[in-house]
Structures are given as C-alpha cells and as structure tokens.
Amino acid sequence: MRISKKLCTFAQNFDANNQNKHMKNELNALIMEAMKNHDSVRTESLRAIKSAFLNWSTSKENAGKELTEADEIQIIKKMVKQRQESVEQYVAAGRQELADAENAQIAVLETFLPKAASEEDIVRAFHAAKEANGWEAEKKNMGLFVKAIKTALPNADGKMVAQVVQSQLA
C-alpha cells in the first residue's frame, strides 16, 4: 500500500510539474463536454491531443521543457499530417469508412490550429520580399523567397509556399 501511494504521489507531482495546468484543464474540460454530448469522434480526437502532449512532455529530448503554444501547434499539425496519410492509404485500399473516420478527426484537430495563410497572402508576401530585398524573380532565388515567406507567414503550408513561389518565378 505504501509503494502505490508513493507512486501515485510521484505521478501527480510529475504530471503537475511537466504540463501547463491551464492547457491541461482546458483540454480536460473539452473532453468532458464532448463526452457529455456523446460526440465520440471529438472525444477520441481530444484524447489523442492530450496523449500527444503528454508524450511530448515526457520524452527525453524535452525533459524539463515547458510545452509552448508553438510546440502545441507543431504537435497538432503532425497529427493532422499522420491522419491525412492514413486517409490516402485507406482510400487506396478501398476502405472508405475508415477514411471518413480519419477525415472527421482531421476536422476536429484543425479547429485547434491557427488559420492557414491563403494563396493571396503568400503572393503578397512574395512581392513584399522581392521589393524589400531587391531579389530578381529567378529560380536561383527560390530558396531565399521560400525562407522569407515562411518567416513572414509561419502558419503557411510549405508545399503551397513552394508552389506559389515556383509559379511566380516562371
């Protein structure tokens, strides 16, 4: 009995010290709300987010670090990307019901991400970088443009940035 009490105390202290309490409480409240509404997709998605945050905070490379908002966004983006890859595999295998379930989770996860930059925003950032730095619209400067746009618009999708820059350079 003593050992289990010590383990419980350790686990509670570890959890309290290594996670942002506000974020944890908010996530728990959202999970409870989804459970009360019998929304299994939302509940499952929120639990996956909570699990990913806990895994991040307990990993060796992040020991002692505080989970920042940027880290949270990065983790959720990674989760969305994993589910998109799963959808592709399910569709290729002819399992549309599983693909639909993954798409439902993607929709829930995307509600926690900041609005992605639009194509027009990327084009404006391209022209701003071109004027500010005096770069020529040549293929050899593509890396410079992509880097400048990703710095100006950190929430822009990398593939979209590359496509827009390539179209502007052509």
N, C-alpha and C. Protein backbone atom coordinates (compact mmCIF):
# COMPACT_ATOMS: atom_id res chain seq x y z
N MET A 1 0.82 -1.19 0.00
CA MET A 1 0.00 0.00 0.00
C MET A 1 0.87 1.25 0.00
N ARG A 2 1.96 1.25 0.75
CA ARG A 2 2.84 2.41 0.81
C ARG A 2 3.45 2.72 -0.55
N ILE A 3 3.88 1.66 -1.24
CA ILE A 3 4.51 1.87 -2.53
C ILE A 3 3.54 2.49 -3.51
N SER A 4 2.31 1.98 -3.57
CA SER A 4 1.36 2.53 -4.53
C SER A 4 1.01 3.98 -4.21
N LYS A 5 0.98 4.34 -2.91
CA LYS A 5 0.73 5.74 -2.55
C LYS A 5 1.88 6.62 -3.04
N LYS A 6 3.11 6.13 -2.87
CA LYS A 6 4.27 6.89 -3.33
C LYS A 6 4.24 7.05 -4.84
N LEU A 7 3.89 5.97 -5.55
CA LEU A 7 3.82 6.06 -7.00
C LEU A 7 2.74 7.03 -7.43
N CYS A 8 1.60 7.01 -6.79
CA CYS A 8 0.52 7.94 -7.13
C CYS A 8 0.95 9.38 -6.88
N THR A 9 1.61 9.62 -5.75
CA THR A 9 2.07 10.96 -5.42
C THR A 9 3.11 11.42 -6.44
N PHE A 10 4.03 10.53 -6.78
CA PHE A 10 5.04 10.87 -7.78
C PHE A 10 4.39 11.19 -9.12
N ALA A 11 3.45 10.36 -9.55
CA ALA A 11 2.79 10.58 -10.83
C ALA A 11 2.04 11.91 -10.84
N GLN A 12 1.36 12.24 -9.75
CA GLN A 12 0.64 13.50 -9.68
C GLN A 12 1.60 14.68 -9.74
N ASN A 13 2.70 14.62 -8.99
CA ASN A 13 3.68 15.70 -9.00
C ASN A 13 4.35 15.82 -10.36
N PHE A 14 4.68 14.69 -10.96
CA PHE A 14 5.32 14.69 -12.27
C PHE A 14 4.40 15.33 -13.29
N ASP A 15 3.15 14.93 -13.26
CA ASP A 15 2.16 15.47 -14.19
C ASP A 15 1.98 16.97 -13.98
N ALA A 16 1.91 17.40 -12.75
CA ALA A 16 1.70 18.82 -12.45
C ALA A 16 2.90 19.66 -12.84
N ASN A 17 4.08 19.12 -12.67
CA ASN A 17 5.29 19.88 -12.97
C ASN A 17 5.60 19.95 -14.46
N ASN A 18 5.20 18.96 -15.21
CA ASN A 18 5.62 18.89 -16.60
C ASN A 18 4.57 19.29 -17.62
N GLN A 19 3.41 19.75 -17.15
CA GLN A 19 2.40 20.17 -18.11
C GLN A 19 1.84 21.51 -17.71
N ASN A 20 1.50 22.27 -18.71
CA ASN A 20 0.87 23.55 -18.49
C ASN A 20 -0.52 23.28 -17.91
N LYS A 21 -0.76 23.70 -16.68
CA LYS A 21 -2.00 23.36 -16.00
C LYS A 21 -3.22 23.95 -16.71
N HIS A 22 -3.07 25.16 -17.21
CA HIS A 22 -4.20 25.80 -17.88
C HIS A 22 -4.61 24.99 -19.12
N MET A 23 -3.63 24.64 -19.93
CA MET A 23 -3.90 23.87 -21.14
C MET A 23 -4.49 22.52 -20.78
N LYS A 24 -3.97 21.90 -19.76
CA LYS A 24 -4.44 20.59 -19.34
C LYS A 24 -5.89 20.68 -18.85
N ASN A 25 -6.18 21.69 -18.05
CA ASN A 25 -7.54 21.85 -17.54
C ASN A 25 -8.52 22.14 -18.68
N GLU A 26 -8.10 22.97 -19.62
CA GLU A 26 -8.95 23.30 -20.77
C GLU A 26 -9.22 22.06 -21.61
N LEU A 27 -8.20 21.27 -21.84
CA LEU A 27 -8.35 20.05 -22.62
C LEU A 27 -9.27 19.06 -21.90
N ASN A 28 -9.08 18.93 -20.60
CA ASN A 28 -9.94 18.04 -19.82
C ASN A 28 -11.40 18.50 -19.86
N ALA A 29 -11.61 19.81 -19.79
CA ALA A 29 -12.98 20.35 -19.85
C ALA A 29 -13.60 20.06 -21.21
N LEU A 30 -12.82 20.20 -22.28
CA LEU A 30 -13.33 19.91 -23.62
C LEU A 30 -13.65 18.43 -23.78
N ILE A 31 -12.83 17.57 -23.20
CA ILE A 31 -13.08 16.13 -23.26
C ILE A 31 -14.38 15.81 -22.52
N MET A 32 -14.55 16.39 -21.34
CA MET A 32 -15.76 16.15 -20.57
C MET A 32 -17.00 16.62 -21.34
N GLU A 33 -16.90 17.79 -21.95
CA GLU A 33 -18.02 18.33 -22.73
C GLU A 33 -18.37 17.42 -23.90
N ALA A 34 -17.35 16.93 -24.59
CA ALA A 34 -17.58 16.02 -25.72
C ALA A 34 -18.20 14.71 -25.25
N MET A 35 -17.76 14.24 -24.09
CA MET A 35 -18.33 13.00 -23.54
C MET A 35 -19.80 13.21 -23.17
N LYS A 36 -20.11 14.35 -22.57
CA LYS A 36 -21.49 14.65 -22.20
C LYS A 36 -22.39 14.75 -23.43
N ASN A 37 -21.84 15.25 -24.53
CA ASN A 37 -22.60 15.39 -25.77
C ASN A 37 -22.60 14.10 -26.60
N HIS A 38 -21.95 13.05 -26.09
CA HIS A 38 -21.85 11.75 -26.77
C HIS A 38 -21.24 11.90 -28.16
N ASP A 39 -20.26 12.78 -28.26
CA ASP A 39 -19.55 13.01 -29.52
C ASP A 39 -18.27 12.19 -29.49
N SER A 40 -18.36 10.97 -29.96
CA SER A 40 -17.23 10.04 -29.85
C SER A 40 -16.02 10.47 -30.68
N VAL A 41 -16.26 11.07 -31.86
CA VAL A 41 -15.15 11.50 -32.71
C VAL A 41 -14.37 12.61 -32.02
N ARG A 42 -15.07 13.60 -31.49
CA ARG A 42 -14.41 14.71 -30.80
C ARG A 42 -13.70 14.21 -29.54
N THR A 43 -14.35 13.32 -28.80
CA THR A 43 -13.73 12.78 -27.58
C THR A 43 -12.43 12.05 -27.92
N GLU A 44 -12.48 11.22 -28.94
CA GLU A 44 -11.30 10.46 -29.35
C GLU A 44 -10.19 11.39 -29.81
N SER A 45 -10.55 12.41 -30.58
CA SER A 45 -9.55 13.36 -31.09
C SER A 45 -8.91 14.15 -29.94
N LEU A 46 -9.72 14.60 -29.00
CA LEU A 46 -9.19 15.37 -27.87
C LEU A 46 -8.29 14.51 -26.99
N ARG A 47 -8.69 13.27 -26.80
CA ARG A 47 -7.84 12.35 -26.03
C ARG A 47 -6.51 12.11 -26.74
N ALA A 48 -6.54 12.05 -28.06
CA ALA A 48 -5.31 11.87 -28.83
C ALA A 48 -4.39 13.09 -28.66
N ILE A 49 -4.99 14.29 -28.66
CA ILE A 49 -4.20 15.50 -28.44
C ILE A 49 -3.57 15.47 -27.06
N LYS A 50 -4.37 15.15 -26.06
CA LYS A 50 -3.87 15.09 -24.67
C LYS A 50 -2.73 14.08 -24.56
N SER A 51 -2.89 12.94 -25.20
CA SER A 51 -1.86 11.91 -25.17
C SER A 51 -0.58 12.38 -25.87
N ALA A 52 -0.74 13.05 -27.01
CA ALA A 52 0.44 13.55 -27.75
C ALA A 52 1.19 14.60 -26.93
N PHE A 53 0.44 15.48 -26.26
CA PHE A 53 1.08 16.49 -25.41
C PHE A 53 1.83 15.83 -24.26
N LEU A 54 1.23 14.82 -23.66
CA LEU A 54 1.87 14.11 -22.55
C LEU A 54 3.12 13.39 -23.04
N ASN A 55 3.02 12.74 -24.20
CA ASN A 55 4.19 12.05 -24.77
C ASN A 55 5.32 13.04 -25.04
N TRP A 56 4.99 14.22 -25.55
CA TRP A 56 5.99 15.24 -25.83
C TRP A 56 6.69 15.66 -24.53
N SER A 57 5.89 15.93 -23.51
CA SER A 57 6.47 16.46 -22.27
C SER A 57 7.27 15.42 -21.49
N THR A 58 7.02 14.14 -21.74
CA THR A 58 7.76 13.11 -21.02
C THR A 58 8.90 12.50 -21.83
N SER A 59 9.10 12.97 -23.07
CA SER A 59 10.18 12.42 -23.88
C SER A 59 11.53 12.93 -23.37
N LYS A 60 12.56 12.17 -23.66
CA LYS A 60 13.91 12.50 -23.17
C LYS A 60 14.40 13.85 -23.69
N GLU A 61 14.18 14.12 -24.98
CA GLU A 61 14.70 15.36 -25.55
C GLU A 61 13.97 16.60 -25.05
N ASN A 62 12.79 16.43 -24.47
CA ASN A 62 12.03 17.58 -23.98
C ASN A 62 11.96 17.62 -22.46
N ALA A 63 12.79 16.84 -21.79
CA ALA A 63 12.78 16.79 -20.33
C ALA A 63 13.11 18.17 -19.77
N GLY A 64 12.25 18.64 -18.89
CA GLY A 64 12.47 19.93 -18.24
C GLY A 64 11.97 21.12 -19.03
N LYS A 65 11.52 20.89 -20.27
CA LYS A 65 10.99 21.99 -21.08
C LYS A 65 9.50 22.16 -20.82
N GLU A 66 9.06 23.38 -20.97
CA GLU A 66 7.63 23.69 -20.85
C GLU A 66 7.02 23.62 -22.25
N LEU A 67 5.84 23.05 -22.36
CA LEU A 67 5.14 22.94 -23.63
C LEU A 67 4.61 24.31 -24.02
N THR A 68 5.13 24.86 -25.11
CA THR A 68 4.71 26.20 -25.55
C THR A 68 3.59 26.08 -26.57
N GLU A 69 2.98 27.21 -26.89
CA GLU A 69 1.91 27.22 -27.88
C GLU A 69 2.44 26.77 -29.25
N ALA A 70 3.65 27.18 -29.57
CA ALA A 70 4.26 26.77 -30.84
C ALA A 70 4.45 25.25 -30.88
N ASP A 71 4.85 24.67 -29.75
CA ASP A 71 5.00 23.22 -29.67
C ASP A 71 3.65 22.53 -29.86
N GLU A 72 2.63 23.08 -29.22
CA GLU A 72 1.28 22.52 -29.34
C GLU A 72 0.83 22.52 -30.79
N ILE A 73 1.04 23.62 -31.48
CA ILE A 73 0.64 23.73 -32.88
C ILE A 73 1.41 22.73 -33.73
N GLN A 74 2.71 22.61 -33.47
CA GLN A 74 3.54 21.68 -34.22
C GLN A 74 3.05 20.24 -34.01
N ILE A 75 2.71 19.89 -32.79
CA ILE A 75 2.23 18.54 -32.48
C ILE A 75 0.91 18.27 -33.20
N ILE A 76 0.00 19.23 -33.15
CA ILE A 76 -1.30 19.03 -33.79
C ILE A 76 -1.15 18.96 -35.31
N LYS A 77 -0.26 19.77 -35.89
CA LYS A 77 -0.01 19.69 -37.33
C LYS A 77 0.51 18.31 -37.71
N LYS A 78 1.38 17.77 -36.88
CA LYS A 78 1.94 16.44 -37.13
C LYS A 78 0.82 15.39 -37.08
N MET A 79 -0.10 15.56 -36.13
CA MET A 79 -1.22 14.62 -36.02
C MET A 79 -2.12 14.70 -37.25
N VAL A 80 -2.36 15.91 -37.74
CA VAL A 80 -3.18 16.08 -38.94
C VAL A 80 -2.51 15.42 -40.14
N LYS A 81 -1.20 15.63 -40.27
CA LYS A 81 -0.46 15.05 -41.39
C LYS A 81 -0.51 13.51 -41.33
N GLN A 82 -0.37 12.94 -40.13
CA GLN A 82 -0.44 11.49 -39.99
C GLN A 82 -1.81 10.97 -40.43
N ARG A 83 -2.85 11.68 -40.05
CA ARG A 83 -4.20 11.25 -40.42
C ARG A 83 -4.45 11.42 -41.92
N GLN A 84 -3.88 12.45 -42.52
CA GLN A 84 -4.03 12.63 -43.97
C GLN A 84 -3.35 11.48 -44.72
N GLU A 85 -2.19 11.06 -44.23
CA GLU A 85 -1.50 9.92 -44.84
C GLU A 85 -2.33 8.65 -44.68
N SER A 86 -2.97 8.50 -43.52
CA SER A 86 -3.83 7.34 -43.28
C SER A 86 -5.01 7.35 -44.25
N VAL A 87 -5.60 8.52 -44.47
CA VAL A 87 -6.73 8.63 -45.39
C VAL A 87 -6.31 8.16 -46.78
N GLU A 88 -5.14 8.60 -47.25
CA GLU A 88 -4.65 8.19 -48.56
C GLU A 88 -4.52 6.68 -48.65
N GLN A 89 -3.97 6.07 -47.58
CA GLN A 89 -3.79 4.62 -47.58
C GLN A 89 -5.14 3.90 -47.54
N TYR A 90 -6.08 4.40 -46.75
CA TYR A 90 -7.40 3.77 -46.66
C TYR A 90 -8.14 3.85 -47.99
N VAL A 91 -8.05 5.00 -48.66
CA VAL A 91 -8.72 5.16 -49.94
C VAL A 91 -8.10 4.21 -50.97
N ALA A 92 -6.78 4.11 -50.96
CA ALA A 92 -6.08 3.23 -51.90
C ALA A 92 -6.46 1.77 -51.65
N ALA A 93 -6.76 1.43 -50.39
CA ALA A 93 -7.12 0.06 -50.05
C ALA A 93 -8.62 -0.19 -50.18
N GLY A 94 -9.38 0.85 -50.54
CA GLY A 94 -10.82 0.69 -50.70
C GLY A 94 -11.59 0.67 -49.40
N ARG A 95 -11.04 1.27 -48.34
CA ARG A 95 -11.70 1.30 -47.02
C ARG A 95 -12.21 2.71 -46.75
N GLN A 96 -13.26 3.10 -47.45
CA GLN A 96 -13.78 4.46 -47.37
C GLN A 96 -14.31 4.79 -45.98
N GLU A 97 -14.90 3.82 -45.27
CA GLU A 97 -15.43 4.09 -43.93
C GLU A 97 -14.32 4.49 -42.96
N LEU A 98 -13.16 3.90 -43.09
CA LEU A 98 -12.02 4.27 -42.24
C LEU A 98 -11.48 5.63 -42.66
N ALA A 99 -11.48 5.90 -43.94
CA ALA A 99 -11.03 7.21 -44.44
C ALA A 99 -11.96 8.31 -43.93
N ASP A 100 -13.26 8.04 -43.91
CA ASP A 100 -14.23 9.03 -43.41
C ASP A 100 -14.01 9.30 -41.93
N ALA A 101 -13.70 8.24 -41.17
CA ALA A 101 -13.44 8.41 -39.74
C ALA A 101 -12.20 9.27 -39.50
N GLU A 102 -11.17 9.05 -40.29
CA GLU A 102 -9.94 9.85 -40.18
C GLU A 102 -10.21 11.30 -40.58
N ASN A 103 -11.01 11.51 -41.62
CA ASN A 103 -11.35 12.88 -42.05
C ASN A 103 -12.13 13.61 -40.97
N ALA A 104 -12.98 12.89 -40.24
CA ALA A 104 -13.73 13.50 -39.15
C ALA A 104 -12.78 13.95 -38.04
N GLN A 105 -11.77 13.12 -37.75
CA GLN A 105 -10.78 13.51 -36.74
C GLN A 105 -9.94 14.69 -37.23
N ILE A 106 -9.61 14.72 -38.50
CA ILE A 106 -8.84 15.85 -39.06
C ILE A 106 -9.63 17.14 -38.86
N ALA A 107 -10.93 17.09 -39.10
CA ALA A 107 -11.76 18.28 -38.93
C ALA A 107 -11.72 18.78 -37.49
N VAL A 108 -11.74 17.87 -36.53
CA VAL A 108 -11.68 18.27 -35.12
C VAL A 108 -10.30 18.85 -34.80
N LEU A 109 -9.25 18.20 -35.26
CA LEU A 109 -7.89 18.67 -34.97
C LEU A 109 -7.64 20.05 -35.58
N GLU A 110 -8.16 20.28 -36.76
CA GLU A 110 -7.92 21.56 -37.43
C GLU A 110 -8.58 22.73 -36.72
N THR A 111 -9.55 22.47 -35.86
CA THR A 111 -10.16 23.57 -35.10
C THR A 111 -9.19 24.15 -34.08
N PHE A 112 -8.14 23.41 -33.75
CA PHE A 112 -7.15 23.87 -32.78
C PHE A 112 -5.94 24.53 -33.44
N LEU A 113 -5.91 24.56 -34.77
CA LEU A 113 -4.81 25.17 -35.49
C LEU A 113 -5.18 26.59 -35.91
N PRO A 114 -4.19 27.48 -35.95
CA PRO A 114 -4.48 28.83 -36.46
C PRO A 114 -4.83 28.75 -37.94
N LYS A 115 -5.57 29.74 -38.41
CA LYS A 115 -5.97 29.77 -39.81
C LYS A 115 -4.72 29.81 -40.68
N ALA A 116 -4.68 28.94 -41.65
CA ALA A 116 -3.52 28.87 -42.55
C ALA A 116 -3.54 30.06 -43.49
N ALA A 117 -2.36 30.47 -43.92
CA ALA A 117 -2.25 31.59 -44.85
C ALA A 117 -2.83 31.19 -46.20
N SER A 118 -3.55 32.10 -46.82
CA SER A 118 -4.16 31.83 -48.12
C SER A 118 -3.13 32.03 -49.23
N GLU A 119 -3.50 31.62 -50.42
CA GLU A 119 -2.61 31.77 -51.56
C GLU A 119 -2.34 33.26 -51.84
N GLU A 120 -3.36 34.09 -51.66
CA GLU A 120 -3.20 35.54 -51.88
C GLU A 120 -2.20 36.13 -50.88
N ASP A 121 -2.28 35.65 -49.62
CA ASP A 121 -1.33 36.13 -48.61
C ASP A 121 0.10 35.76 -48.99
N ILE A 122 0.27 34.57 -49.52
CA ILE A 122 1.60 34.11 -49.92
C ILE A 122 2.12 34.93 -51.10
N VAL A 123 1.23 35.22 -52.05
CA VAL A 123 1.63 36.04 -53.21
C VAL A 123 2.05 37.43 -52.74
N ARG A 124 1.27 38.01 -51.81
CA ARG A 124 1.63 39.34 -51.27
C ARG A 124 2.97 39.29 -50.56
N ALA A 125 3.21 38.22 -49.78
CA ALA A 125 4.49 38.09 -49.07
C ALA A 125 5.64 37.92 -50.06
N PHE A 126 5.37 37.23 -51.18
CA PHE A 126 6.39 37.06 -52.22
C PHE A 126 6.80 38.42 -52.78
N HIS A 127 5.80 39.22 -53.14
CA HIS A 127 6.09 40.53 -53.73
C HIS A 127 6.75 41.47 -52.71
N ALA A 128 6.33 41.36 -51.45
CA ALA A 128 6.94 42.19 -50.40
C ALA A 128 8.41 41.80 -50.22
N ALA A 129 8.71 40.51 -50.24
CA ALA A 129 10.09 40.05 -50.10
C ALA A 129 10.92 40.47 -51.31
N LYS A 130 10.31 40.41 -52.47
CA LYS A 130 11.00 40.81 -53.70
C LYS A 130 11.38 42.29 -53.66
N GLU A 131 10.43 43.13 -53.24
CA GLU A 131 10.68 44.56 -53.18
C GLU A 131 11.62 44.94 -52.05
N ALA A 132 11.46 44.31 -50.89
CA ALA A 132 12.26 44.67 -49.72
C ALA A 132 13.73 44.29 -49.89
N ASN A 133 13.96 43.16 -50.55
CA ASN A 133 15.33 42.67 -50.68
C ASN A 133 15.95 42.92 -52.05
N GLY A 134 15.16 43.34 -53.00
CA GLY A 134 15.69 43.61 -54.34
C GLY A 134 16.07 42.35 -55.09
N TRP A 135 15.46 41.22 -54.73
CA TRP A 135 15.78 39.96 -55.41
C TRP A 135 15.09 39.91 -56.76
N GLU A 136 15.78 39.28 -57.70
CA GLU A 136 15.21 39.05 -59.02
C GLU A 136 14.32 37.81 -58.93
N ALA A 137 13.25 37.79 -59.73
CA ALA A 137 12.35 36.65 -59.77
C ALA A 137 12.95 35.56 -60.65
N GLU A 138 13.99 34.91 -60.13
CA GLU A 138 14.69 33.86 -60.85
C GLU A 138 14.69 32.59 -60.01
N LYS A 139 14.80 31.46 -60.68
CA LYS A 139 14.76 30.17 -59.99
C LYS A 139 15.88 30.03 -58.96
N LYS A 140 17.02 30.66 -59.22
CA LYS A 140 18.14 30.53 -58.29
C LYS A 140 17.83 31.17 -56.93
N ASN A 141 16.84 32.06 -56.88
CA ASN A 141 16.46 32.74 -55.63
C ASN A 141 15.26 32.08 -54.94
N MET A 142 14.82 30.93 -55.43
CA MET A 142 13.64 30.30 -54.87
C MET A 142 13.78 30.02 -53.37
N GLY A 143 14.91 29.50 -52.96
CA GLY A 143 15.14 29.22 -51.55
C GLY A 143 15.05 30.46 -50.68
N LEU A 144 15.58 31.57 -51.19
CA LEU A 144 15.51 32.83 -50.45
C LEU A 144 14.07 33.29 -50.28
N PHE A 145 13.28 33.16 -51.35
CA PHE A 145 11.87 33.57 -51.29
C PHE A 145 11.09 32.69 -50.33
N VAL A 146 11.30 31.39 -50.41
CA VAL A 146 10.57 30.46 -49.54
C VAL A 146 10.90 30.75 -48.08
N LYS A 147 12.16 30.95 -47.80
CA LYS A 147 12.58 31.23 -46.42
C LYS A 147 11.97 32.54 -45.91
N ALA A 148 11.99 33.57 -46.74
CA ALA A 148 11.42 34.87 -46.35
C ALA A 148 9.92 34.77 -46.11
N ILE A 149 9.22 34.02 -46.97
CA ILE A 149 7.77 33.87 -46.82
C ILE A 149 7.44 33.05 -45.58
N LYS A 150 8.18 31.98 -45.34
CA LYS A 150 7.92 31.15 -44.15
C LYS A 150 8.21 31.94 -42.87
N THR A 151 9.15 32.87 -42.92
CA THR A 151 9.43 33.72 -41.76
C THR A 151 8.29 34.71 -41.56
N ALA A 152 7.80 35.28 -42.64
CA ALA A 152 6.72 36.27 -42.55
C ALA A 152 5.38 35.62 -42.24
N LEU A 153 5.16 34.41 -42.75
CA LEU A 153 3.89 33.69 -42.55
C LEU A 153 4.18 32.30 -41.98
N PRO A 154 4.44 32.20 -40.68
CA PRO A 154 4.81 30.90 -40.12
C PRO A 154 3.70 29.85 -40.20
N ASN A 155 2.46 30.28 -40.38
CA ASN A 155 1.36 29.32 -40.46
C ASN A 155 1.03 28.90 -41.90
N ALA A 156 1.87 29.29 -42.85
CA ALA A 156 1.67 28.93 -44.26
C ALA A 156 2.15 27.50 -44.49
N ASP A 157 1.41 26.78 -45.32
CA ASP A 157 1.77 25.42 -45.69
C ASP A 157 2.99 25.45 -46.60
N GLY A 158 4.00 24.66 -46.26
CA GLY A 158 5.25 24.66 -47.01
C GLY A 158 5.09 24.29 -48.47
N LYS A 159 4.23 23.30 -48.76
CA LYS A 159 4.01 22.90 -50.15
C LYS A 159 3.36 24.03 -50.94
N MET A 160 2.40 24.69 -50.32
CA MET A 160 1.71 25.78 -51.02
C MET A 160 2.68 26.93 -51.28
N VAL A 161 3.54 27.21 -50.30
CA VAL A 161 4.54 28.28 -50.47
C VAL A 161 5.43 27.95 -51.66
N ALA A 162 5.92 26.71 -51.71
CA ALA A 162 6.80 26.31 -52.81
C ALA A 162 6.09 26.42 -54.16
N GLN A 163 4.82 26.00 -54.22
CA GLN A 163 4.07 26.07 -55.47
C GLN A 163 3.87 27.51 -55.93
N VAL A 164 3.50 28.38 -54.98
CA VAL A 164 3.26 29.78 -55.33
C VAL A 164 4.56 30.44 -55.78
N VAL A 165 5.64 30.20 -55.05
CA VAL A 165 6.93 30.80 -55.43
C VAL A 165 7.33 30.32 -56.81
N GLN A 166 7.15 29.01 -57.05
CA GLN A 166 7.52 28.47 -58.36
C GLN A 166 6.69 29.11 -59.47
N SER A 167 5.40 29.31 -59.22
CA SER A 167 4.55 29.93 -60.24
C SER A 167 4.91 31.40 -60.46
N GLN A 168 5.36 32.07 -59.41
CA GLN A 168 5.76 33.48 -59.54
C GLN A 168 7.10 33.62 -60.26
N LEU A 169 7.94 32.61 -60.14
CA LEU A 169 9.25 32.66 -60.75
C LEU A 169 9.22 32.29 -62.23
N ALA A 170 8.19 31.59 -62.63
CA ALA A 170 8.11 31.12 -64.03
C ALA A 170 7.83 32.23 -65.00
